[in-house]
Amino acid sequence: MQPTNVKACTQCGGSAIGKGVQSGYASVTTYKKMGIGHKLIHLICTDCGWVLGSYVENPRVFKKTIGK
């Protein structure tokens, strides 16, 4: 699920919000279990470049990883 409550930039007040993807060597893997990385999606103000938030494309793979 992606965030939908971002309406304006907290730095410049701009309302043009874009998405960017971080993958490859900068992908996210589960804690203590290396494997396939998952894309990290960033919400970015296209006026000033401020990163407003980030989320993992497939969060279900991270369930039950604490304490293992």
C-alpha atoms as a PDB file:
ATOM      1  CA  MET A   1       0.000   0.000   0.000  1.00  0.00           C
ATOM      2  CA  GLN A   2       1.348   3.397  -0.886  1.00  0.00           C
ATOM      3  CA  PRO A   3       0.867   6.569   1.135  1.00  0.00           C
ATOM      4  CA  THR A   4      -1.919   8.792  -0.166  1.00  0.00           C
ATOM      5  CA  ASN A   5      -1.964  11.535   2.448  1.00  0.00           C
ATOM      6  CA  VAL A   6       0.893  13.590   0.969  1.00  0.00           C
ATOM      7  CA  LYS A   7      -0.681  16.724  -0.484  1.00  0.00           C
ATOM      8  CA  ALA A   8       2.066  19.356  -0.290  1.00  0.00           C
ATOM      9  CA  CYS A   9       5.797  19.658   0.308  1.00  0.00           C
ATOM     10  CA  THR A  10       6.740  20.381   3.904  1.00  0.00           C
ATOM     11  CA  GLN A  11       9.713  22.484   2.769  1.00  0.00           C
ATOM     12  CA  CYS A  12       8.451  24.708  -0.056  1.00  0.00           C
ATOM     13  CA  GLY A  13       4.674  24.156  -0.030  1.00  0.00           C
ATOM     14  CA  GLY A  14       4.691  22.854  -3.605  1.00  0.00           C
ATOM     15  CA  SER A  15       1.903  20.500  -4.608  1.00  0.00           C
ATOM     16  CA  ALA A  16       3.599  18.742  -7.534  1.00  0.00           C
ATOM     17  CA  ILE A  17       4.605  15.380  -6.062  1.00  0.00           C
ATOM     18  CA  GLY A  18       6.425  12.755  -8.123  1.00  0.00           C
ATOM     19  CA  LYS A  19       7.625   9.209  -7.496  1.00  0.00           C
ATOM     20  CA  GLY A  20      11.122   7.839  -7.770  1.00  0.00           C
ATOM     21  CA  VAL A  21      12.418   4.311  -7.322  1.00  0.00           C
ATOM     22  CA  GLN A  22      15.587   3.193  -5.579  1.00  0.00           C
ATOM     23  CA  SER A  23      16.691  -0.311  -6.494  1.00  0.00           C
ATOM     24  CA  GLY A  24      19.772  -2.328  -7.371  1.00  0.00           C
ATOM     25  CA  TYR A  25      22.483  -2.184  -4.704  1.00  0.00           C
ATOM     26  CA  ALA A  26      20.380   0.272  -2.692  1.00  0.00           C
ATOM     27  CA  SER A  27      17.402  -2.079  -2.420  1.00  0.00           C
ATOM     28  CA  VAL A  28      15.976  -3.181   0.930  1.00  0.00           C
ATOM     29  CA  THR A  29      16.328  -6.752   2.221  1.00  0.00           C
ATOM     30  CA  THR A  30      14.875  -8.438   5.283  1.00  0.00           C
ATOM     31  CA  TYR A  31      16.824  -8.191   8.534  1.00  0.00           C
ATOM     32  CA  LYS A  32      19.354 -11.035   9.065  1.00  0.00           C
ATOM     33  CA  LYS A  33      18.264 -12.741   5.862  1.00  0.00           C
ATOM     34  CA  MET A  34      19.998 -11.651   2.718  1.00  0.00           C
ATOM     35  CA  GLY A  35      18.225 -12.391  -0.480  1.00  0.00           C
ATOM     36  CA  ILE A  36      16.315 -10.625  -3.177  1.00  0.00           C
ATOM     37  CA  GLY A  37      16.179  -6.889  -2.605  1.00  0.00           C
ATOM     38  CA  HIS A  38      12.950  -4.948  -2.807  1.00  0.00           C
ATOM     39  CA  LYS A  39      12.450  -1.554  -4.390  1.00  0.00           C
ATOM     40  CA  LEU A  40      12.200   1.517  -2.204  1.00  0.00           C
ATOM     41  CA  ILE A  41       9.749   4.089  -3.586  1.00  0.00           C
ATOM     42  CA  HIS A  42      10.273   7.774  -2.765  1.00  0.00           C
ATOM     43  CA  LEU A  43       7.695  10.562  -2.933  1.00  0.00           C
ATOM     44  CA  ILE A  44       9.541  13.655  -4.132  1.00  0.00           C
ATOM     45  CA  CYS A  45       8.578  17.314  -4.454  1.00  0.00           C
ATOM     46  CA  THR A  46       9.229  18.144  -8.101  1.00  0.00           C
ATOM     47  CA  ASP A  47       9.613  21.846  -7.262  1.00  0.00           C
ATOM     48  CA  CYS A  48      12.463  21.675  -4.717  1.00  0.00           C
ATOM     49  CA  GLY A  49      13.559  18.001  -4.730  1.00  0.00           C
ATOM     50  CA  TRP A  50      12.734  17.308  -1.064  1.00  0.00           C
ATOM     51  CA  VAL A  51      12.010  13.636  -0.316  1.00  0.00           C
ATOM     52  CA  LEU A  52       8.621  13.656   1.422  1.00  0.00           C
ATOM     53  CA  GLY A  53       8.457   9.986   2.299  1.00  0.00           C
ATOM     54  CA  SER A  54       9.490   6.509   1.322  1.00  0.00           C
ATOM     55  CA  TYR A  55       7.932   3.068   1.324  1.00  0.00           C
ATOM     56  CA  VAL A  56       8.850  -0.465   0.298  1.00  0.00           C
ATOM     57  CA  GLU A  57       7.115  -1.706  -2.839  1.00  0.00           C
ATOM     58  CA  ASN A  58       6.307  -5.138  -1.335  1.00  0.00           C
ATOM     59  CA  PRO A  59       6.006  -4.804   2.485  1.00  0.00           C
ATOM     60  CA  ARG A  60       4.577  -8.319   3.038  1.00  0.00           C
ATOM     61  CA  VAL A  61       8.011  -9.927   2.720  1.00  0.00           C
ATOM     62  CA  PHE A  62       9.081  -8.177   5.923  1.00  0.00           C
ATOM     63  CA  LYS A  63       6.449  -9.758   8.187  1.00  0.00           C
ATOM     64  CA  LYS A  64       7.779 -11.820  11.099  1.00  0.00           C
ATOM     65  CA  THR A  65      11.402 -10.748  10.695  1.00  0.00           C
ATOM     66  CA  ILE A  66      11.842  -9.196  14.139  1.00  0.00           C
ATOM     67  CA  GLY A  67      13.578 -11.504  16.600  1.00  0.00           C
ATOM     68  CA  LYS A  68      14.807 -13.980  14.022  1.00  0.00           C
END
